[in-house]
Amino acid sequence: MMIWPVSSLVKQRKGKPAFVPVHWKLMTLQDLMVDLKHEFNQHNRNMYGSGAAKALIAEADVK
């Protein structure tokens, strides 16, 4: 499984910018088809499109 921060805001923390997630998704990677190289390589349409819906376990806005 993977927690995916979908959207975030930039806030100042101790005088430095920090990316703070405001929405997340919990995904299972069991059925995700990927092209493996020396690095993770996947098309956005497979990660965010209709095919990704079957891998979605949960999602919510951060309170």
N, C-alpha and C. Protein backbone atom coordinates (compact mmCIF):
# COMPACT_ATOMS: atom_id res chain seq x y z
N MET A 1 0.83 -1.18 0.00
CA MET A 1 0.00 0.00 0.00
C MET A 1 0.88 1.24 0.00
N MET A 2 0.27 2.33 -0.45
CA MET A 2 0.99 3.58 -0.54
C MET A 2 0.04 4.73 -0.21
N ILE A 3 0.49 5.65 0.63
CA ILE A 3 -0.27 6.88 0.87
C ILE A 3 0.24 7.91 -0.12
N TRP A 4 -0.68 8.46 -0.87
CA TRP A 4 -0.34 9.38 -1.95
C TRP A 4 -0.86 10.77 -1.60
N PRO A 5 0.01 11.75 -1.33
CA PRO A 5 -0.48 13.12 -1.09
C PRO A 5 -0.89 13.74 -2.43
N VAL A 6 -2.18 13.94 -2.62
CA VAL A 6 -2.71 14.40 -3.90
C VAL A 6 -2.53 15.91 -4.08
N SER A 7 -2.80 16.67 -3.04
CA SER A 7 -2.61 18.12 -3.14
C SER A 7 -2.00 18.62 -1.83
N SER A 8 -1.24 19.69 -1.95
CA SER A 8 -0.57 20.22 -0.77
C SER A 8 -0.47 21.74 -0.85
N LEU A 9 -0.22 22.34 0.29
CA LEU A 9 0.02 23.77 0.39
C LEU A 9 1.44 23.97 0.87
N VAL A 10 2.02 25.12 0.53
CA VAL A 10 3.35 25.44 1.02
C VAL A 10 3.17 26.34 2.24
N LYS A 11 3.67 25.89 3.39
CA LYS A 11 3.62 26.64 4.64
C LYS A 11 5.03 26.90 5.11
N GLN A 12 5.19 27.89 5.95
CA GLN A 12 6.49 28.17 6.55
C GLN A 12 6.62 27.41 7.85
N ARG A 13 7.66 26.62 7.99
CA ARG A 13 7.95 25.88 9.22
C ARG A 13 9.38 26.18 9.61
N LYS A 14 9.55 26.83 10.77
CA LYS A 14 10.89 27.19 11.26
C LYS A 14 11.65 28.00 10.22
N GLY A 15 10.92 28.91 9.55
CA GLY A 15 11.54 29.78 8.56
C GLY A 15 11.85 29.14 7.22
N LYS A 16 11.43 27.90 7.02
CA LYS A 16 11.68 27.19 5.76
C LYS A 16 10.35 26.75 5.16
N PRO A 17 10.26 26.68 3.83
CA PRO A 17 9.02 26.20 3.21
C PRO A 17 8.84 24.71 3.45
N ALA A 18 7.60 24.32 3.75
CA ALA A 18 7.25 22.91 3.94
C ALA A 18 5.99 22.61 3.15
N PHE A 19 5.97 21.49 2.46
CA PHE A 19 4.79 21.06 1.73
C PHE A 19 3.89 20.29 2.69
N VAL A 20 2.68 20.82 2.92
CA VAL A 20 1.74 20.22 3.86
C VAL A 20 0.58 19.62 3.06
N PRO A 21 0.38 18.30 3.12
CA PRO A 21 -0.70 17.68 2.36
C PRO A 21 -2.07 18.11 2.89
N VAL A 22 -3.00 18.38 1.97
CA VAL A 22 -4.37 18.74 2.35
C VAL A 22 -5.39 17.71 1.83
N HIS A 23 -4.94 16.78 1.01
CA HIS A 23 -5.79 15.70 0.51
C HIS A 23 -4.89 14.50 0.24
N TRP A 24 -5.36 13.30 0.57
CA TRP A 24 -4.54 12.11 0.39
C TRP A 24 -5.39 10.96 -0.14
N LYS A 25 -4.72 9.96 -0.68
CA LYS A 25 -5.35 8.71 -1.12
C LYS A 25 -4.49 7.55 -0.60
N LEU A 26 -5.15 6.49 -0.16
CA LEU A 26 -4.46 5.26 0.22
C LEU A 26 -4.69 4.27 -0.90
N MET A 27 -3.61 3.84 -1.55
CA MET A 27 -3.71 3.00 -2.74
C MET A 27 -3.08 1.63 -2.49
N THR A 28 -3.68 0.61 -3.07
CA THR A 28 -3.03 -0.69 -3.10
C THR A 28 -2.25 -0.78 -4.40
N LEU A 29 -1.08 -1.34 -4.35
CA LEU A 29 -0.25 -1.46 -5.54
C LEU A 29 -0.35 -2.85 -6.16
N GLN A 30 -1.24 -3.66 -5.63
CA GLN A 30 -1.38 -5.06 -6.06
C GLN A 30 -1.64 -5.20 -7.55
N ASP A 31 -2.56 -4.42 -8.10
CA ASP A 31 -2.94 -4.57 -9.51
C ASP A 31 -2.42 -3.45 -10.40
N LEU A 32 -1.56 -2.59 -9.87
CA LEU A 32 -1.02 -1.49 -10.66
C LEU A 32 0.03 -2.01 -11.64
N MET A 33 -0.23 -1.81 -12.90
CA MET A 33 0.72 -2.23 -13.93
C MET A 33 1.72 -1.10 -14.15
N VAL A 34 2.99 -1.41 -14.00
CA VAL A 34 4.03 -0.39 -14.15
C VAL A 34 5.09 -0.87 -15.14
N ASP A 35 5.78 0.09 -15.71
CA ASP A 35 6.95 -0.19 -16.53
C ASP A 35 8.16 -0.02 -15.63
N LEU A 36 8.89 -1.08 -15.38
CA LEU A 36 10.04 -0.99 -14.48
C LEU A 36 11.31 -0.72 -15.25
N LYS A 37 12.03 0.26 -14.76
CA LYS A 37 13.35 0.60 -15.26
C LYS A 37 14.23 0.73 -14.03
N HIS A 38 15.25 1.54 -14.08
CA HIS A 38 16.07 1.78 -12.91
C HIS A 38 15.39 2.74 -11.95
N GLU A 39 14.26 3.30 -12.34
CA GLU A 39 13.50 4.21 -11.51
C GLU A 39 12.02 3.94 -11.75
N PHE A 40 11.18 4.40 -10.86
CA PHE A 40 9.74 4.25 -11.02
C PHE A 40 9.29 5.04 -12.23
N ASN A 41 8.55 4.41 -13.13
CA ASN A 41 8.13 5.07 -14.36
C ASN A 41 6.70 4.64 -14.67
N GLN A 42 5.77 5.58 -14.60
CA GLN A 42 4.37 5.29 -14.86
C GLN A 42 3.72 6.52 -15.48
N HIS A 43 2.82 6.29 -16.40
CA HIS A 43 2.09 7.38 -17.04
C HIS A 43 1.04 7.94 -16.08
N ASN A 44 0.84 9.24 -16.11
CA ASN A 44 -0.16 9.87 -15.26
C ASN A 44 -1.56 9.31 -15.50
N ARG A 45 -1.87 8.95 -16.73
CA ARG A 45 -3.22 8.43 -17.01
C ARG A 45 -3.47 7.12 -16.28
N ASN A 46 -2.43 6.33 -16.03
CA ASN A 46 -2.60 5.09 -15.28
C ASN A 46 -2.65 5.33 -13.78
N MET A 47 -2.00 6.38 -13.32
CA MET A 47 -1.98 6.68 -11.89
C MET A 47 -3.22 7.44 -11.44
N TYR A 48 -3.75 8.31 -12.31
CA TYR A 48 -4.86 9.18 -11.92
C TYR A 48 -6.14 8.89 -12.69
N GLY A 49 -6.10 8.14 -13.76
CA GLY A 49 -7.26 7.92 -14.62
C GLY A 49 -8.24 6.90 -14.06
N SER A 50 -9.19 6.51 -14.88
CA SER A 50 -10.25 5.59 -14.45
C SER A 50 -9.69 4.23 -14.05
N GLY A 51 -8.57 3.82 -14.61
CA GLY A 51 -7.98 2.53 -14.26
C GLY A 51 -7.44 2.50 -12.84
N ALA A 52 -7.14 3.65 -12.27
CA ALA A 52 -6.61 3.72 -10.91
C ALA A 52 -7.71 3.54 -9.86
N ALA A 53 -8.97 3.67 -10.25
CA ALA A 53 -10.07 3.59 -9.29
C ALA A 53 -10.11 2.24 -8.58
N LYS A 54 -9.77 1.15 -9.26
CA LYS A 54 -9.83 -0.16 -8.61
C LYS A 54 -8.74 -0.34 -7.55
N ALA A 55 -7.71 0.50 -7.57
CA ALA A 55 -6.64 0.40 -6.58
C ALA A 55 -6.88 1.31 -5.38
N LEU A 56 -7.87 2.20 -5.47
CA LEU A 56 -8.13 3.16 -4.41
C LEU A 56 -8.77 2.48 -3.22
N ILE A 57 -8.15 2.62 -2.04
CA ILE A 57 -8.70 2.05 -0.81
C ILE A 57 -9.45 3.13 -0.03
N ALA A 58 -8.86 4.32 0.08
CA ALA A 58 -9.48 5.42 0.82
C ALA A 58 -8.88 6.73 0.34
N GLU A 59 -9.60 7.83 0.59
CA GLU A 59 -9.07 9.16 0.34
C GLU A 59 -9.85 10.15 1.19
N ALA A 60 -9.21 11.27 1.52
CA ALA A 60 -9.88 12.27 2.36
C ALA A 60 -9.09 13.57 2.32
N ASP A 61 -9.78 14.65 2.73
CA ASP A 61 -9.12 15.92 2.95
C ASP A 61 -8.47 15.88 4.32
N VAL A 62 -7.32 16.51 4.48
CA VAL A 62 -6.66 16.58 5.76
C VAL A 62 -7.29 17.69 6.58
N LYS A 63 -7.62 17.39 7.83
CA LYS A 63 -8.28 18.37 8.71
C LYS A 63 -7.26 19.14 9.50
